[in-house]
Protein backbone atom coordinates (compact mmCIF):
# COMPACT_ATOMS: atom_id res chain seq x y z
CA MET A 1 -11.37 -3.68 -24.19
CA LEU A 2 -13.76 -5.80 -22.86
CA SER A 3 -14.68 -3.87 -18.83
CA ARG A 4 -13.95 -7.41 -17.27
CA TYR A 5 -10.20 -7.48 -18.78
CA ALA A 6 -10.03 -3.78 -17.01
CA GLU A 7 -11.07 -5.36 -14.38
CA ASN A 8 -8.71 -7.56 -14.18
CA VAL A 9 -5.79 -5.41 -15.05
CA TYR A 10 -7.07 -2.96 -12.16
CA TRP A 11 -7.02 -5.37 -9.71
CA LEU A 12 -3.30 -7.05 -10.79
CA GLY A 13 -1.99 -3.71 -10.27
CA ARG A 14 -3.34 -3.25 -6.88
CA TYR A 15 -2.87 -7.19 -5.25
CA ILE A 16 0.80 -6.55 -6.03
CA GLU A 17 1.23 -3.25 -4.97
CA ARG A 18 -0.49 -4.81 -1.34
CA ALA A 19 2.13 -7.50 -1.09
CA GLU A 20 4.64 -5.12 -1.61
CA ASN A 21 2.91 -1.96 0.42
CA LEU A 22 1.87 -4.78 3.36
CA ALA A 23 5.53 -6.14 3.65
CA ARG A 24 6.78 -3.01 4.03
CA LEU A 25 4.11 -2.40 6.99
CA LEU A 26 4.95 -5.51 8.49
CA ASP A 27 8.92 -4.75 8.35
CA THR A 28 8.10 -1.09 9.58
CA HIS A 29 6.11 -2.54 12.87
CA GLY A 30 8.57 -5.22 13.08
CA SER A 31 11.28 -2.69 13.34
CA PHE A 32 9.38 -1.00 16.45
CA ALA A 33 8.84 -4.19 17.87
CA ARG A 34 12.44 -4.97 18.00
CA ASP A 35 13.03 -1.89 20.09
CA PRO A 36 13.47 -2.95 23.62
CA ARG A 37 11.80 0.70 24.85
CA ALA A 38 8.50 0.39 22.27
CA THR A 39 5.55 -1.53 23.06
CA GLY A 40 5.50 -4.18 20.09
CA ASP A 41 1.61 -3.59 20.38
CA TRP A 42 1.08 -6.40 16.99
CA GLU A 43 -3.29 -5.31 17.73
CA ALA A 44 -2.13 -1.98 15.61
CA VAL A 45 -1.48 -3.97 12.34
CA ILE A 46 -4.86 -5.25 12.50
CA ARG A 47 -6.82 -2.22 13.33
CA ILE A 48 -5.44 -0.21 10.98
CA ASN A 49 -6.17 -3.67 8.51
CA ALA A 50 -9.49 -3.66 9.79
CA ASP A 51 -9.45 -7.58 10.68
CA GLU A 52 -10.56 -7.82 14.37
CA GLU A 53 -13.11 -9.95 13.66
CA LEU A 54 -11.73 -12.32 11.39
CA PHE A 55 -8.03 -12.60 13.38
CA PHE A 56 -9.71 -12.62 17.00
CA SER A 57 -12.39 -15.11 15.63
CA ARG A 58 -9.68 -17.48 15.17
CA ASN A 59 -7.00 -16.42 17.80
CA LYS A 60 -6.79 -14.99 21.38
CA GLU A 61 -4.31 -12.58 21.17
CA ALA A 62 -2.29 -11.28 18.59
CA THR A 63 1.33 -12.23 19.40
CA ALA A 64 3.85 -11.48 16.54
CA ALA A 65 3.88 -15.25 15.37
CA ALA A 66 0.05 -14.90 15.22
CA VAL A 67 0.26 -11.55 13.28
CA LEU A 68 2.93 -12.19 10.78
CA TYR A 69 1.17 -15.94 10.03
CA PHE A 70 -2.06 -14.23 9.69
CA TYR A 71 -0.74 -11.33 6.58
CA LEU A 72 2.20 -13.41 5.43
CA ILE A 73 1.06 -16.87 4.60
CA ASP A 74 -2.27 -18.19 5.88
CA PRO A 75 -3.86 -19.45 3.05
CA LYS A 76 -7.54 -18.57 5.13
CA SER A 77 -6.15 -15.10 5.33
CA PRO A 78 -7.95 -12.76 2.28
CA THR A 79 -5.55 -10.45 3.03
CA SER A 80 -2.08 -12.32 3.47
CA THR A 81 0.77 -11.55 0.91
CA LEU A 82 0.23 -15.40 0.00
CA ASN A 83 -3.21 -14.68 -1.53
CA SER A 84 -2.42 -11.17 -2.60
CA VAL A 85 0.26 -12.77 -4.92
CA GLY A 86 -2.89 -15.84 -5.53
CA TYR A 87 -5.02 -13.43 -6.41
CA ALA A 88 -2.59 -11.12 -8.90
CA ARG A 89 -2.17 -14.52 -10.71
CA GLU A 90 -5.38 -15.52 -11.23
CA ASN A 91 -6.01 -11.78 -12.71
CA ALA A 92 -3.44 -12.13 -14.70
CA ARG A 93 -4.31 -15.52 -15.89
CA THR A 94 -7.74 -14.19 -17.36
CA VAL A 95 -5.57 -11.49 -18.85
CA ARG A 96 -2.81 -13.43 -20.58
CA HIS A 97 -3.22 -12.62 -23.98
CA LEU A 98 -2.30 -8.88 -23.02
CA ILE A 99 0.63 -8.94 -20.77
CA SER A 100 3.89 -10.64 -21.59
CA THR A 101 5.09 -14.20 -21.20
CA GLU A 102 7.86 -12.73 -19.26
CA LEU A 103 5.38 -11.08 -16.43
CA TRP A 104 3.10 -14.20 -16.45
CA ALA A 105 6.55 -16.82 -15.59
CA HIS A 106 7.76 -13.87 -12.59
CA LEU A 107 4.31 -14.18 -11.26
CA ASN A 108 4.33 -18.34 -11.29
CA THR A 109 7.68 -18.53 -9.55
CA PHE A 110 6.84 -15.71 -6.84
CA TYR A 111 3.32 -17.05 -5.81
CA GLY A 112 5.36 -20.54 -6.07
CA GLU A 113 7.91 -19.18 -3.30
CA MET A 114 5.34 -17.52 -1.42
CA HIS A 115 3.78 -21.25 -0.79
CA GLU A 116 6.63 -22.83 -0.08
CA LEU A 117 6.94 -20.69 2.82
CA ARG A 118 6.47 -22.39 5.86
CA ARG A 119 5.74 -20.67 10.30
CA ARG A 120 9.36 -21.65 10.99
CA ASP A 121 10.76 -18.78 7.92
CA ILE A 122 8.40 -16.20 8.97
CA GLY A 123 9.42 -15.53 13.15
CA LEU A 124 10.10 -12.07 14.04
CA ALA A 125 13.95 -12.66 13.66
CA ARG A 126 13.57 -13.49 10.07
CA LEU A 127 10.84 -10.87 9.84
CA ALA A 128 13.03 -8.57 7.78
CA LYS A 129 14.33 -11.19 4.95
CA VAL A 130 11.18 -12.30 4.45
CA ALA A 131 9.75 -8.58 3.67
CA ALA A 132 12.48 -7.87 1.67
CA PHE A 133 12.00 -11.25 -0.69
CA ILE A 134 8.58 -9.99 -1.22
CA LYS A 135 9.90 -6.95 -2.08
CA THR A 136 12.05 -7.48 -4.55
CA ASN A 137 9.66 -9.75 -6.53
CA CYS A 138 7.21 -7.20 -5.60
CA GLN A 139 9.44 -4.51 -7.29
CA THR A 140 10.37 -7.08 -10.46
CA HIS A 141 6.91 -7.89 -10.99
CA THR A 142 6.80 -3.67 -11.73
CA GLY A 143 10.14 -3.47 -13.65
CA ILE A 144 9.21 -6.05 -16.16
CA ALA A 145 5.48 -4.77 -15.91
CA GLU A 146 7.03 -1.18 -17.17
CA GLY A 147 9.29 -3.01 -19.87
CA THR A 148 7.05 -4.97 -21.57
CA LEU A 149 2.97 -3.66 -21.24
CA TYR A 150 1.86 -1.65 -23.99
CA ARG A 151 0.50 1.01 -23.73
CA ASP A 152 -2.98 1.25 -24.15
CA GLN A 153 -5.99 0.94 -21.91
CA ALA A 154 -4.61 -2.12 -19.94
CA TYR A 155 -1.79 0.09 -18.90
CA ARG A 156 -3.82 2.94 -17.70
CA PHE A 157 -6.16 0.32 -15.63
CA TYR A 158 -3.04 -1.35 -14.16
CA GLN A 159 -1.48 2.01 -13.28
CA LEU A 160 -4.87 3.10 -11.70
CA GLY A 161 -4.83 0.09 -9.66
CA ARG A 162 -1.16 0.22 -8.23
CA HIS A 163 -1.58 4.00 -7.13
CA VAL A 164 -5.36 4.25 -5.79
CA GLU A 165 -3.51 0.83 -3.47
CA ARG A 166 0.17 2.76 -3.20
CA ALA A 167 -1.75 5.83 -1.90
CA ASP A 168 -4.08 3.71 0.64
CA GLN A 169 -1.06 2.29 2.20
CA THR A 170 1.48 5.31 2.33
CA SER A 171 -1.96 6.47 4.53
CA ARG A 172 -1.23 2.97 6.45
CA LEU A 173 2.22 3.63 6.96
CA LEU A 174 1.50 6.65 8.34
CA ASP A 175 -1.06 5.40 10.70
CA VAL A 176 1.67 2.94 12.02
CA LYS A 177 4.04 6.02 13.25
CA TYR A 178 0.56 7.57 15.20
CA ARG A 179 -0.40 4.63 16.86
CA GLN A 180 3.12 4.01 18.14
CA LEU A 181 2.80 8.32 19.47
CA GLN A 182 0.07 7.12 20.80
CA SER A 183 1.88 4.33 22.63
CA VAL A 184 5.33 5.82 23.76
CA GLU A 185 5.92 8.84 26.20
CA GLU A 186 8.95 10.12 24.15
CA ASP A 187 8.96 13.48 23.14
CA PRO A 188 8.86 14.09 19.32
CA GLY A 189 12.27 14.86 18.53
CA SER A 190 13.50 12.33 21.18
CA PRO A 191 15.63 9.30 20.02
CA ILE A 192 13.50 7.03 19.68
CA ASP A 193 11.13 9.25 18.01
CA ILE A 194 14.23 9.81 14.99
CA SER A 195 14.59 6.11 14.79
CA GLN A 196 10.91 5.25 14.51
CA TRP A 197 10.76 8.18 11.59
CA ASN A 198 13.96 6.70 9.96
CA ALA A 199 12.74 3.04 10.12
CA LEU A 200 8.81 4.92 8.29
CA LEU A 201 10.81 6.43 5.81
CA ARG A 202 12.92 2.97 5.18
CA SER A 203 9.97 1.36 4.96
CA ALA A 204 8.31 3.94 2.02
CA ALA A 205 11.42 3.55 0.17
CA GLY A 206 12.17 7.36 0.77
CA TYR A 207 14.88 7.77 3.38
CA GLN A 208 17.21 8.51 0.79
CA ALA A 209 14.89 10.90 -1.24
CA TYR A 210 14.03 12.61 2.04
CA ARG A 211 17.62 13.22 3.25
CA ARG A 212 18.55 14.74 0.05
CA THR A 213 15.43 16.91 -0.09
CA ARG A 214 15.40 17.99 4.09
CA PRO A 215 18.81 17.29 4.91
CA GLY A 216 19.10 19.15 8.43
CA SER A 217 15.81 18.03 9.70
CA MET A 218 14.00 14.20 11.36
CA SER A 219 11.19 16.32 12.63
CA THR A 220 6.99 14.84 12.71
CA SER A 221 5.95 17.80 10.68
CA ASP A 222 8.37 17.08 7.99
CA VAL A 223 8.37 13.46 7.27
CA ALA A 224 4.69 12.84 7.40
CA ARG A 225 4.55 16.00 4.83
CA PHE A 226 6.91 14.77 2.80
CA LEU A 227 4.58 11.53 2.89
CA MET A 228 1.42 13.25 2.08
CA SER A 229 2.32 16.14 -0.09
CA ASP A 230 5.66 15.71 -1.79
CA SER A 231 5.13 15.86 -5.55
CA GLU A 232 8.37 14.13 -6.95
CA PHE A 233 8.43 11.54 -4.29
CA PRO A 234 6.32 8.46 -6.08
CA ARG A 235 5.29 6.97 -2.83
CA SER A 236 3.67 10.24 -1.27
CA ILE A 237 -0.23 10.46 -1.39
CA CYS A 238 0.00 13.67 -3.66
CA PHE A 239 2.08 12.18 -6.33
CA CYS A 240 0.02 9.02 -6.52
CA LEU A 241 -3.31 11.16 -7.17
CA TYR A 242 -1.82 13.32 -9.38
CA ARG A 243 -1.00 10.11 -11.05
CA ILE A 244 -3.95 8.86 -10.83
CA LYS A 245 -5.55 11.61 -12.53
CA TYR A 246 -3.13 11.69 -15.30
CA ASP A 247 -4.24 8.15 -16.05
CA LEU A 248 -8.01 8.91 -15.99
CA ALA A 249 -7.15 12.25 -18.09
CA CYS A 250 -5.67 9.64 -20.69
CA LEU A 251 -7.86 7.01 -20.58
CA GLU A 252 -10.42 10.06 -21.67
CA SER A 253 -8.10 11.63 -23.92
CA GLU A 254 -6.63 8.90 -25.35
CA HIS A 255 -9.14 6.17 -25.35
CA GLY A 256 -12.47 8.18 -25.50
CA LEU A 257 -13.83 6.89 -22.14
CA GLU A 258 -16.53 9.08 -20.08
CA LEU A 259 -15.54 9.21 -16.30
CA GLY A 260 -18.82 9.97 -15.26
CA ASP A 261 -19.16 12.58 -12.92
CA GLU A 262 -19.29 10.21 -9.81
CA VAL A 263 -15.47 9.34 -10.47
CA ARG A 264 -14.45 13.21 -11.07
CA GLU A 265 -16.23 14.38 -7.67
CA THR A 266 -14.94 11.62 -5.64
CA LEU A 267 -11.59 12.16 -7.17
CA GLY A 268 -11.70 15.98 -6.59
CA ARG A 269 -12.73 15.28 -3.01
CA VAL A 270 -9.55 12.96 -2.16
CA MET A 271 -7.46 15.29 -3.99
CA GLU A 272 -8.79 18.44 -1.54
CA ILE A 273 -8.34 16.46 1.54
CA SER A 274 -4.80 15.40 0.58
CA GLY A 275 -4.09 19.14 0.01
CA GLN A 276 -5.08 20.16 3.51
CA THR A 277 -1.85 19.66 5.08
CA PRO A 278 -1.31 22.12 8.02
CA THR A 279 1.29 24.88 7.33
CA ASP A 280 2.64 24.70 11.22
CA ARG A 281 3.75 21.44 13.34
CA ILE A 282 1.62 18.35 12.80
CA GLU A 283 0.05 16.83 15.67
CA PRO A 284 -0.68 12.97 15.74
CA ALA A 285 -4.59 13.24 16.28
CA TRP A 286 -4.52 15.59 12.76
CA LEU A 287 -1.99 12.83 11.72
CA HIS A 288 -4.56 9.96 12.35
CA GLN A 289 -7.66 11.77 10.92
CA PHE A 290 -6.01 12.80 7.95
CA ALA A 291 -5.26 8.68 7.26
CA ASP A 292 -8.77 7.82 8.18
CA ALA A 293 -9.73 10.86 5.80
CA ILE A 294 -7.45 9.58 2.84
CA GLN A 295 -8.66 5.90 3.42
CA ASP A 296 -12.49 6.40 3.10
CA GLY A 297 -12.23 8.87 0.38
CA LEU A 298 -9.79 6.07 -1.88
CA LEU A 299 -12.22 3.65 -1.10
CA GLY A 300 -15.29 5.77 -2.40
CA LEU A 301 -12.65 6.33 -5.30
CA SER A 302 -12.35 2.77 -5.94
CA GLY A 303 -15.66 1.94 -5.99
CA ALA A 304 -16.93 5.04 -8.33
CA LEU A 305 -14.10 3.60 -10.52
CA VAL A 306 -15.62 0.02 -10.23
CA SER A 307 -18.93 1.58 -11.44
CA ARG A 308 -18.24 3.15 -13.54
CA PHE A 309 -16.13 0.91 -15.90
CA PHE A 310 -16.31 -2.41 -14.58
CA GLY A 311 -20.13 -2.22 -14.40
CA VAL A 312 -19.97 -4.13 -10.72
CA ALA A 313 -20.18 -3.79 -6.80
CA GLU A 314 -17.19 -3.98 -5.40
CA ALA A 315 -16.10 -6.95 -4.40
CA ALA A 316 -12.49 -7.09 -3.51
CA GLU A 317 -10.77 -4.97 -1.00
């Protein structure tokens, strides 16, 4: 398999996962902002995505309208959902011979519908509907990919992209909650604290799974630990890292690709970080440090994958 095709399917997986998780992130923050007792600090979303310089070069303040436009349909924002879907489509175009007609057709339709959205369609009052539209299309893409992609190297690189991105975005969802804990004066376990954890779990598609495994608890520590280290929940950081490890092992054992020391060591460091969850109460400051460390580690892992398998410096983030 040509390295450029491996890179294309890797980023196809990442960009679709990024679009879905950004919708979840915005929906979560929108749920917090609609609460009259919360602060509605939309600048937190910009800080989490490290977009301060670009955003404030074009906007005076981080209003809900400005942030939603920037992250949903702004054609000049490299991190907008519109562009993520567009980038996924362009990567898919290059590997058209490796993907199914159904997958290609759906991506075209999805991008066309995103391109038709206007400012009036994405206000705070309509955010839940727009986020649901994006999540549904991303999940449809994932379902088509699971049902039609041939299980060769292309599939493994596609899965690597998905799970690197998903682990990163789960850490960002946790960071949203940390920043909310910092901005309100509610004690852990208070009604607003519980409602925000509920919203966060729903945004990570984990509410039902959490309630099945922990029916009597909605504490900061239990919810955070579920999203970080539950080995059976597909959006937990732990689950994603083990899937990354598995797909790398398949590339090595089934397809004869040498991983190299940098990939092995970087993955090992990230997995070590993910396993350092406190056994007692998790403090907000620790949660923030953990999320930052995971994001830095995944950035290093992605760079190692790109360098090892694609032969170029990582250009897209």
